[in-house]
Amino acid sequence: YGGHEPFKNHLIPYMISEVRKEVAPIIKGNSN
């Protein structure tokens, strides 16, 4: 992760993006 990661649906960029948009992030799949 990091840098110019193009996969915006991957866990880390997705979560950061949702939080920055003031949207509650949703965990897709198994949280454990």
PDB file of all heavy atoms in Angstrom:
ATOM      1  N   TYR A   1       0.843  -1.197   0.000  1.00  0.00           N
ATOM      2  CA  TYR A   1       0.000   0.000   0.000  1.00  0.00           C
ATOM      3  C   TYR A   1       0.879   1.248   0.000  1.00  0.00           C
ATOM      4  O   TYR A   1       2.075   1.191   0.304  1.00  0.00           O
ATOM      5  CB  TYR A   1      -0.916   0.024   1.229  1.00  0.00           C
ATOM      6  CG  TYR A   1      -0.178   0.243   2.537  1.00  0.00           C
ATOM      7  CD1 TYR A   1      -0.043   1.527   3.073  1.00  0.00           C
ATOM      8  CD2 TYR A   1       0.404  -0.820   3.215  1.00  0.00           C
ATOM      9  CE1 TYR A   1       0.653   1.733   4.266  1.00  0.00           C
ATOM     10  CE2 TYR A   1       1.093  -0.618   4.407  1.00  0.00           C
ATOM     11  CZ  TYR A   1       1.212   0.650   4.916  1.00  0.00           C
ATOM     12  OH  TYR A   1       1.906   0.859   6.087  1.00  0.00           O
ATOM     13  N   GLY A   2       0.254   2.388  -0.347  1.00  0.00           N
ATOM     14  CA  GLY A   2       0.965   3.664  -0.303  1.00  0.00           C
ATOM     15  C   GLY A   2       1.304   4.166  -1.692  1.00  0.00           C
ATOM     16  O   GLY A   2       1.065   3.512  -2.706  1.00  0.00           O
ATOM     17  N   GLY A   3       1.889   5.360  -1.734  1.00  0.00           N
ATOM     18  CA  GLY A   3       2.332   5.929  -3.000  1.00  0.00           C
ATOM     19  C   GLY A   3       1.190   6.169  -3.955  1.00  0.00           C
ATOM     20  O   GLY A   3       0.121   6.649  -3.579  1.00  0.00           O
ATOM     21  N   HIS A   4       1.382   5.779  -5.215  1.00  0.00           N
ATOM     22  CA  HIS A   4       0.373   6.002  -6.248  1.00  0.00           C
ATOM     23  C   HIS A   4      -0.471   4.750  -6.455  1.00  0.00           C
ATOM     24  O   HIS A   4      -0.749   4.372  -7.601  1.00  0.00           O
ATOM     25  CB  HIS A   4       1.051   6.397  -7.561  1.00  0.00           C
ATOM     26  CG  HIS A   4       1.908   7.618  -7.459  1.00  0.00           C
ATOM     27  ND1 HIS A   4       3.278   7.567  -7.373  1.00  0.00           N
ATOM     28  CD2 HIS A   4       1.575   8.927  -7.388  1.00  0.00           C
ATOM     29  CE1 HIS A   4       3.758   8.788  -7.286  1.00  0.00           C
ATOM     30  NE2 HIS A   4       2.752   9.629  -7.298  1.00  0.00           N
ATOM     31  N   GLU A   5      -0.867   4.113  -5.378  1.00  0.00           N
ATOM     32  CA  GLU A   5      -1.622   2.864  -5.511  1.00  0.00           C
ATOM     33  C   GLU A   5      -2.865   3.075  -6.369  1.00  0.00           C
ATOM     34  O   GLU A   5      -3.712   3.920  -6.059  1.00  0.00           O
ATOM     35  CB  GLU A   5      -2.024   2.333  -4.135  1.00  0.00           C
ATOM     36  CG  GLU A   5      -2.747   1.004  -4.212  1.00  0.00           C
ATOM     37  CD  GLU A   5      -3.018   0.384  -2.846  1.00  0.00           C
ATOM     38  OE1 GLU A   5      -2.619   0.965  -1.834  1.00  0.00           O
ATOM     39  OE2 GLU A   5      -3.643  -0.690  -2.809  1.00  0.00           O
ATOM     40  N   PRO A   6      -3.006   2.300  -7.452  1.00  0.00           N
ATOM     41  CA  PRO A   6      -4.138   2.516  -8.362  1.00  0.00           C
ATOM     42  C   PRO A   6      -5.414   1.786  -7.950  1.00  0.00           C
ATOM     43  O   PRO A   6      -6.485   2.053  -8.490  1.00  0.00           O
ATOM     44  CB  PRO A   6      -3.614   1.948  -9.686  1.00  0.00           C
ATOM     45  CG  PRO A   6      -2.692   0.850  -9.267  1.00  0.00           C
ATOM     46  CD  PRO A   6      -2.058   1.306  -7.967  1.00  0.00           C
ATOM     47  N   PHE A   7      -5.291   0.853  -6.999  1.00  0.00           N
ATOM     48  CA  PHE A   7      -6.435  -0.003  -6.661  1.00  0.00           C
ATOM     49  C   PHE A   7      -7.226   0.633  -5.513  1.00  0.00           C
ATOM     50  O   PHE A   7      -7.042   0.299  -4.340  1.00  0.00           O
ATOM     51  CB  PHE A   7      -5.954  -1.398  -6.288  1.00  0.00           C
ATOM     52  CG  PHE A   7      -5.031  -1.997  -7.311  1.00  0.00           C
ATOM     53  CD1 PHE A   7      -3.680  -2.176  -7.028  1.00  0.00           C
ATOM     54  CD2 PHE A   7      -5.494  -2.358  -8.567  1.00  0.00           C
ATOM     55  CE1 PHE A   7      -2.828  -2.708  -7.969  1.00  0.00           C
ATOM     56  CE2 PHE A   7      -4.646  -2.892  -9.515  1.00  0.00           C
ATOM     57  CZ  PHE A   7      -3.306  -3.066  -9.224  1.00  0.00           C
ATOM     58  N   LYS A   8      -8.092   1.554  -5.867  1.00  0.00           N
ATOM     59  CA  LYS A   8      -8.792   2.353  -4.860  1.00  0.00           C
ATOM     60  C   LYS A   8      -9.813   1.554  -4.059  1.00  0.00           C
ATOM     61  O   LYS A   8     -10.285   2.020  -3.018  1.00  0.00           O
ATOM     62  CB  LYS A   8      -9.488   3.545  -5.535  1.00  0.00           C
ATOM     63  CG  LYS A   8      -8.539   4.440  -6.321  1.00  0.00           C
ATOM     64  CD  LYS A   8      -7.366   4.922  -5.482  1.00  0.00           C
ATOM     65  CE  LYS A   8      -6.424   5.803  -6.284  1.00  0.00           C
ATOM     66  NZ  LYS A   8      -5.214   6.187  -5.508  1.00  0.00           N
ATOM     67  N   ASN A   9     -10.147   0.348  -4.529  1.00  0.00           N
ATOM     68  CA  ASN A   9     -11.099  -0.478  -3.787  1.00  0.00           C
ATOM     69  C   ASN A   9     -10.394  -1.405  -2.788  1.00  0.00           C
ATOM     70  O   ASN A   9     -11.050  -2.141  -2.059  1.00  0.00           O
ATOM     71  CB  ASN A   9     -11.957  -1.303  -4.744  1.00  0.00           C
ATOM     72  CG  ASN A   9     -11.133  -2.255  -5.600  1.00  0.00           C
ATOM     73  OD1 ASN A   9      -9.957  -1.999  -5.851  1.00  0.00           O
ATOM     74  ND2 ASN A   9     -11.741  -3.343  -6.050  1.00  0.00           N
ATOM     75  N   HIS A  10      -9.053  -1.396  -2.771  1.00  0.00           N
ATOM     76  CA  HIS A  10      -8.333  -2.183  -1.778  1.00  0.00           C
ATOM     77  C   HIS A  10      -8.547  -1.598  -0.384  1.00  0.00           C
ATOM     78  O   HIS A  10      -8.854  -0.411  -0.239  1.00  0.00           O
ATOM     79  CB  HIS A  10      -6.839  -2.217  -2.106  1.00  0.00           C
ATOM     80  CG  HIS A  10      -6.506  -3.166  -3.226  1.00  0.00           C
ATOM     81  ND1 HIS A  10      -5.221  -3.452  -3.612  1.00  0.00           N
ATOM     82  CD2 HIS A  10      -7.319  -3.903  -4.039  1.00  0.00           C
ATOM     83  CE1 HIS A  10      -5.242  -4.319  -4.614  1.00  0.00           C
ATOM     84  NE2 HIS A  10      -6.502  -4.603  -4.880  1.00  0.00           N
ATOM     85  N   LEU A  11      -8.353  -2.428   0.619  1.00  0.00           N
ATOM     86  CA  LEU A  11      -8.761  -2.082   1.981  1.00  0.00           C
ATOM     87  C   LEU A  11      -8.260  -0.719   2.455  1.00  0.00           C
ATOM     88  O   LEU A  11      -9.057   0.137   2.849  1.00  0.00           O
ATOM     89  CB  LEU A  11      -8.280  -3.177   2.946  1.00  0.00           C
ATOM     90  CG  LEU A  11      -8.592  -2.930   4.426  1.00  0.00           C
ATOM     91  CD1 LEU A  11     -10.098  -2.914   4.658  1.00  0.00           C
ATOM     92  CD2 LEU A  11      -7.919  -3.993   5.293  1.00  0.00           C
ATOM     93  N   ILE A  12      -6.954  -0.507   2.431  1.00  0.00           N
ATOM     94  CA  ILE A  12      -6.398   0.709   3.027  1.00  0.00           C
ATOM     95  C   ILE A  12      -6.793   1.969   2.261  1.00  0.00           C
ATOM     96  O   ILE A  12      -7.314   2.926   2.868  1.00  0.00           O
ATOM     97  CB  ILE A  12      -4.876   0.581   3.203  1.00  0.00           C
ATOM     98  CG1 ILE A  12      -4.576  -0.479   4.275  1.00  0.00           C
ATOM     99  CG2 ILE A  12      -4.240   1.920   3.570  1.00  0.00           C
ATOM    100  CD1 ILE A  12      -3.104  -0.751   4.510  1.00  0.00           C
ATOM    101  N   PRO A  13      -6.595   2.058   0.930  1.00  0.00           N
ATOM    102  CA  PRO A  13      -7.024   3.285   0.239  1.00  0.00           C
ATOM    103  C   PRO A  13      -8.535   3.502   0.304  1.00  0.00           C
ATOM    104  O   PRO A  13      -8.987   4.652   0.404  1.00  0.00           O
ATOM    105  CB  PRO A  13      -6.548   3.071  -1.207  1.00  0.00           C
ATOM    106  CG  PRO A  13      -6.301   1.616  -1.336  1.00  0.00           C
ATOM    107  CD  PRO A  13      -5.897   1.141   0.017  1.00  0.00           C
ATOM    108  N   TYR A  14      -9.313   2.406   0.282  1.00  0.00           N
ATOM    109  CA  TYR A  14     -10.767   2.548   0.371  1.00  0.00           C
ATOM    110  C   TYR A  14     -11.177   3.156   1.708  1.00  0.00           C
ATOM    111  O   TYR A  14     -11.987   4.096   1.754  1.00  0.00           O
ATOM    112  CB  TYR A  14     -11.449   1.197   0.184  1.00  0.00           C
ATOM    113  CG  TYR A  14     -12.892   1.160   0.633  1.00  0.00           C
ATOM    114  CD1 TYR A  14     -13.894   1.773  -0.118  1.00  0.00           C
ATOM    115  CD2 TYR A  14     -13.251   0.538   1.829  1.00  0.00           C
ATOM    116  CE1 TYR A  14     -15.217   1.765   0.305  1.00  0.00           C
ATOM    117  CE2 TYR A  14     -14.567   0.522   2.260  1.00  0.00           C
ATOM    118  CZ  TYR A  14     -15.551   1.136   1.502  1.00  0.00           C
ATOM    119  OH  TYR A  14     -16.851   1.139   1.934  1.00  0.00           O
ATOM    120  N   MET A  15     -10.617   2.621   2.789  1.00  0.00           N
ATOM    121  CA  MET A  15     -10.975   3.121   4.117  1.00  0.00           C
ATOM    122  C   MET A  15     -10.573   4.581   4.292  1.00  0.00           C
ATOM    123  O   MET A  15     -11.344   5.403   4.810  1.00  0.00           O
ATOM    124  CB  MET A  15     -10.318   2.256   5.192  1.00  0.00           C
ATOM    125  CG  MET A  15     -10.922   0.872   5.333  1.00  0.00           C
ATOM    126  SD  MET A  15     -12.636   0.962   5.888  1.00  0.00           S
ATOM    127  CE  MET A  15     -13.180  -0.730   5.600  1.00  0.00           C
ATOM    128  N   ILE A  16      -9.371   4.914   3.862  1.00  0.00           N
ATOM    129  CA  ILE A  16      -8.908   6.297   3.995  1.00  0.00           C
ATOM    130  C   ILE A  16      -9.793   7.233   3.190  1.00  0.00           C
ATOM    131  O   ILE A  16     -10.189   8.314   3.662  1.00  0.00           O
ATOM    132  CB  ILE A  16      -7.438   6.409   3.553  1.00  0.00           C
ATOM    133  CG1 ILE A  16      -6.531   5.666   4.536  1.00  0.00           C
ATOM    134  CG2 ILE A  16      -7.012   7.875   3.444  1.00  0.00           C
ATOM    135  CD1 ILE A  16      -5.078   5.598   4.119  1.00  0.00           C
ATOM    136  N   SER A  17     -10.135   6.815   1.979  1.00  0.00           N
ATOM    137  CA  SER A  17     -10.980   7.642   1.114  1.00  0.00           C
ATOM    138  C   SER A  17     -12.352   7.878   1.734  1.00  0.00           C
ATOM    139  O   SER A  17     -12.867   9.006   1.731  1.00  0.00           O
ATOM    140  CB  SER A  17     -11.126   6.971  -0.246  1.00  0.00           C
ATOM    141  OG  SER A  17     -12.049   7.671  -1.062  1.00  0.00           O
ATOM    142  N   GLU A  18     -12.964   6.823   2.276  1.00  0.00           N
ATOM    143  CA  GLU A  18     -14.300   6.957   2.868  1.00  0.00           C
ATOM    144  C   GLU A  18     -14.277   7.880   4.083  1.00  0.00           C
ATOM    145  O   GLU A  18     -15.161   8.727   4.248  1.00  0.00           O
ATOM    146  CB  GLU A  18     -14.834   5.573   3.271  1.00  0.00           C
ATOM    147  CG  GLU A  18     -15.134   4.649   2.094  1.00  0.00           C
ATOM    148  CD  GLU A  18     -16.205   5.205   1.176  1.00  0.00           C
ATOM    149  OE1 GLU A  18     -17.397   5.111   1.526  1.00  0.00           O
ATOM    150  OE2 GLU A  18     -15.831   5.739   0.112  1.00  0.00           O
ATOM    151  N   VAL A  19     -13.258   7.725   4.910  1.00  0.00           N
ATOM    152  CA  VAL A  19     -13.172   8.563   6.108  1.00  0.00           C
ATOM    153  C   VAL A  19     -12.954  10.025   5.727  1.00  0.00           C
ATOM    154  O   VAL A  19     -13.534  10.936   6.321  1.00  0.00           O
ATOM    155  CB  VAL A  19     -12.047   8.061   7.033  1.00  0.00           C
ATOM    156  CG1 VAL A  19     -11.825   9.035   8.191  1.00  0.00           C
ATOM    157  CG2 VAL A  19     -12.391   6.679   7.579  1.00  0.00           C
ATOM    158  N   ARG A  20     -12.122  10.263   4.711  1.00  0.00           N
ATOM    159  CA  ARG A  20     -11.880  11.639   4.270  1.00  0.00           C
ATOM    160  C   ARG A  20     -13.145  12.283   3.726  1.00  0.00           C
ATOM    161  O   ARG A  20     -13.319  13.505   3.805  1.00  0.00           O
ATOM    162  CB  ARG A  20     -10.785  11.662   3.202  1.00  0.00           C
ATOM    163  CG  ARG A  20      -9.400  11.356   3.744  1.00  0.00           C
ATOM    164  CD  ARG A  20      -8.355  11.387   2.652  1.00  0.00           C
ATOM    165  NE  ARG A  20      -8.187  12.719   2.106  1.00  0.00           N
ATOM    166  CZ  ARG A  20      -7.355  13.015   1.094  1.00  0.00           C
ATOM    167  NH1 ARG A  20      -6.680  12.046   0.519  1.00  0.00           N
ATOM    168  NH2 ARG A  20      -7.242  14.250   0.659  1.00  0.00           N
ATOM    169  N   LYS A  21     -14.042  11.458   3.175  1.00  0.00           N
ATOM    170  CA  LYS A  21     -15.305  11.974   2.637  1.00  0.00           C
ATOM    171  C   LYS A  21     -16.373  12.100   3.734  1.00  0.00           C
ATOM    172  O   LYS A  21     -17.527  12.389   3.418  1.00  0.00           O
ATOM    173  CB  LYS A  21     -15.806  11.055   1.517  1.00  0.00           C
ATOM    174  CG  LYS A  21     -14.960  11.085   0.257  1.00  0.00           C
ATOM    175  CD  LYS A  21     -15.571  10.285  -0.882  1.00  0.00           C
ATOM    176  CE  LYS A  21     -15.689   8.816  -0.581  1.00  0.00           C
ATOM    177  NZ  LYS A  21     -16.145   8.027  -1.761  1.00  0.00           N
ATOM    178  N   GLU A  22     -15.970  11.859   4.995  1.00  0.00           N
ATOM    179  CA  GLU A  22     -16.914  11.911   6.119  1.00  0.00           C
ATOM    180  C   GLU A  22     -17.982  10.832   5.993  1.00  0.00           C
ATOM    181  O   GLU A  22     -19.126  11.011   6.427  1.00  0.00           O
ATOM    182  CB  GLU A  22     -17.584  13.294   6.206  1.00  0.00           C
ATOM    183  CG  GLU A  22     -16.620  14.458   6.285  1.00  0.00           C
ATOM    184  CD  GLU A  22     -16.087  14.694   7.692  1.00  0.00           C
ATOM    185  OE1 GLU A  22     -16.598  14.045   8.620  1.00  0.00           O
ATOM    186  OE2 GLU A  22     -15.164  15.500   7.845  1.00  0.00           O
ATOM    187  N   VAL A  23     -17.612   9.708   5.385  1.00  0.00           N
ATOM    188  CA  VAL A  23     -18.535   8.586   5.230  1.00  0.00           C
ATOM    189  C   VAL A  23     -18.080   7.455   6.140  1.00  0.00           C
ATOM    190  O   VAL A  23     -16.883   7.162   6.224  1.00  0.00           O
ATOM    191  CB  VAL A  23     -18.566   8.092   3.762  1.00  0.00           C
ATOM    192  CG1 VAL A  23     -19.433   6.852   3.629  1.00  0.00           C
ATOM    193  CG2 VAL A  23     -19.071   9.208   2.855  1.00  0.00           C
ATOM    194  N   ALA A  24     -19.022   6.843   6.830  1.00  0.00           N
ATOM    195  CA  ALA A  24     -18.666   5.712   7.682  1.00  0.00           C
ATOM    196  C   ALA A  24     -18.218   4.547   6.804  1.00  0.00           C
ATOM    197  O   ALA A  24     -18.996   4.069   5.977  1.00  0.00           O
ATOM    198  CB  ALA A  24     -19.849   5.302   8.533  1.00  0.00           C
ATOM    199  N   PRO A  25     -16.974   4.078   6.945  1.00  0.00           N
ATOM    200  CA  PRO A  25     -16.484   2.989   6.088  1.00  0.00           C
ATOM    201  C   PRO A  25     -17.162   1.665   6.425  1.00  0.00           C
ATOM    202  O   PRO A  25     -17.500   1.393   7.573  1.00  0.00           O
ATOM    203  CB  PRO A  25     -14.986   2.934   6.393  1.00  0.00           C
ATOM    204  CG  PRO A  25     -14.868   3.484   7.779  1.00  0.00           C
ATOM    205  CD  PRO A  25     -15.943   4.527   7.900  1.00  0.00           C
ATOM    206  N   ILE A  26     -17.367   0.852   5.413  1.00  0.00           N
ATOM    207  CA  ILE A  26     -17.999  -0.453   5.582  1.00  0.00           C
ATOM    208  C   ILE A  26     -16.964  -1.540   5.318  1.00  0.00           C
ATOM    209  O   ILE A  26     -16.286  -1.533   4.280  1.00  0.00           O
ATOM    210  CB  ILE A  26     -19.181  -0.623   4.613  1.00  0.00           C
ATOM    211  CG1 ILE A  26     -20.260   0.430   4.901  1.00  0.00           C
ATOM    212  CG2 ILE A  26     -19.762  -2.026   4.709  1.00  0.00           C
ATOM    213  CD1 ILE A  26     -21.370   0.454   3.874  1.00  0.00           C
ATOM    214  N   ILE A  27     -16.813  -2.453   6.254  1.00  0.00           N
ATOM    215  CA  ILE A  27     -15.899  -3.576   6.061  1.00  0.00           C
ATOM    216  C   ILE A  27     -16.596  -4.621   5.202  1.00  0.00           C
ATOM    217  O   ILE A  27     -17.658  -5.117   5.547  1.00  0.00           O
ATOM    218  CB  ILE A  27     -15.482  -4.200   7.412  1.00  0.00           C
ATOM    219  CG1 ILE A  27     -14.662  -3.190   8.206  1.00  0.00           C
ATOM    220  CG2 ILE A  27     -14.687  -5.477   7.189  1.00  0.00           C
ATOM    221  CD1 ILE A  27     -14.265  -3.676   9.588  1.00  0.00           C
ATOM    222  N   LYS A  28     -15.973  -4.921   4.069  1.00  0.00           N
ATOM    223  CA  LYS A  28     -16.541  -5.902   3.149  1.00  0.00           C
ATOM    224  C   LYS A  28     -15.889  -7.254   3.419  1.00  0.00           C
ATOM    225  O   LYS A  28     -14.686  -7.398   3.305  1.00  0.00           O
ATOM    226  CB  LYS A  28     -16.291  -5.465   1.707  1.00  0.00           C
ATOM    227  CG  LYS A  28     -16.873  -4.091   1.386  1.00  0.00           C
ATOM    228  CD  LYS A  28     -16.450  -3.615   0.013  1.00  0.00           C
ATOM    229  CE  LYS A  28     -16.981  -2.212  -0.264  1.00  0.00           C
ATOM    230  NZ  LYS A  28     -16.529  -1.711  -1.589  1.00  0.00           N
ATOM    231  N   GLY A  29     -16.663  -8.230   3.777  1.00  0.00           N
ATOM    232  CA  GLY A  29     -16.100  -9.547   4.058  1.00  0.00           C
ATOM    233  C   GLY A  29     -15.867  -9.750   5.539  1.00  0.00           C
ATOM    234  O   GLY A  29     -16.476  -9.101   6.396  1.00  0.00           O
ATOM    235  N   ASN A  30     -14.954 -10.626   5.868  1.00  0.00           N
ATOM    236  CA  ASN A  30     -14.692 -11.045   7.238  1.00  0.00           C
ATOM    237  C   ASN A  30     -13.775 -10.053   7.947  1.00  0.00           C
ATOM    238  O   ASN A  30     -12.609  -9.906   7.581  1.00  0.00           O
ATOM    239  CB  ASN A  30     -14.053 -12.440   7.209  1.00  0.00           C
ATOM    240  CG  ASN A  30     -13.787 -12.971   8.608  1.00  0.00           C
ATOM    241  OD1 ASN A  30     -14.163 -12.360   9.617  1.00  0.00           O
ATOM    242  ND2 ASN A  30     -13.146 -14.125   8.676  1.00  0.00           N
ATOM    243  N   SER A  31     -14.278  -9.396   8.971  1.00  0.00           N
ATOM    244  CA  SER A  31     -13.481  -8.399   9.693  1.00  0.00           C
ATOM    245  C   SER A  31     -12.369  -9.036  10.519  1.00  0.00           C
ATOM    246  O   SER A  31     -11.424  -8.360  10.924  1.00  0.00           O
ATOM    247  CB  SER A  31     -14.382  -7.562  10.605  1.00  0.00           C
ATOM    248  OG  SER A  31     -14.957  -8.385  11.611  1.00  0.00           O
ATOM    249  N   ASN A  32     -12.474 -10.341  10.776  1.00  0.00           N
ATOM    250  CA  ASN A  32     -11.443 -11.034  11.559  1.00  0.00           C
ATOM    251  C   ASN A  32     -10.351 -11.657  10.686  1.00  0.00           C
ATOM    252  O   ASN A  32      -9.404 -12.252  11.197  1.00  0.00           O
ATOM    253  CB  ASN A  32     -12.084 -12.132  12.421  1.00  0.00           C
ATOM    254  CG  ASN A  32     -12.989 -11.550  13.491  1.00  0.00           C
ATOM    255  OD1 ASN A  32     -12.633 -10.584  14.158  1.00  0.00           O
ATOM    256  ND2 ASN A  32     -14.174 -12.123  13.643  1.00  0.00           N
TER     257      ASN A  32
END
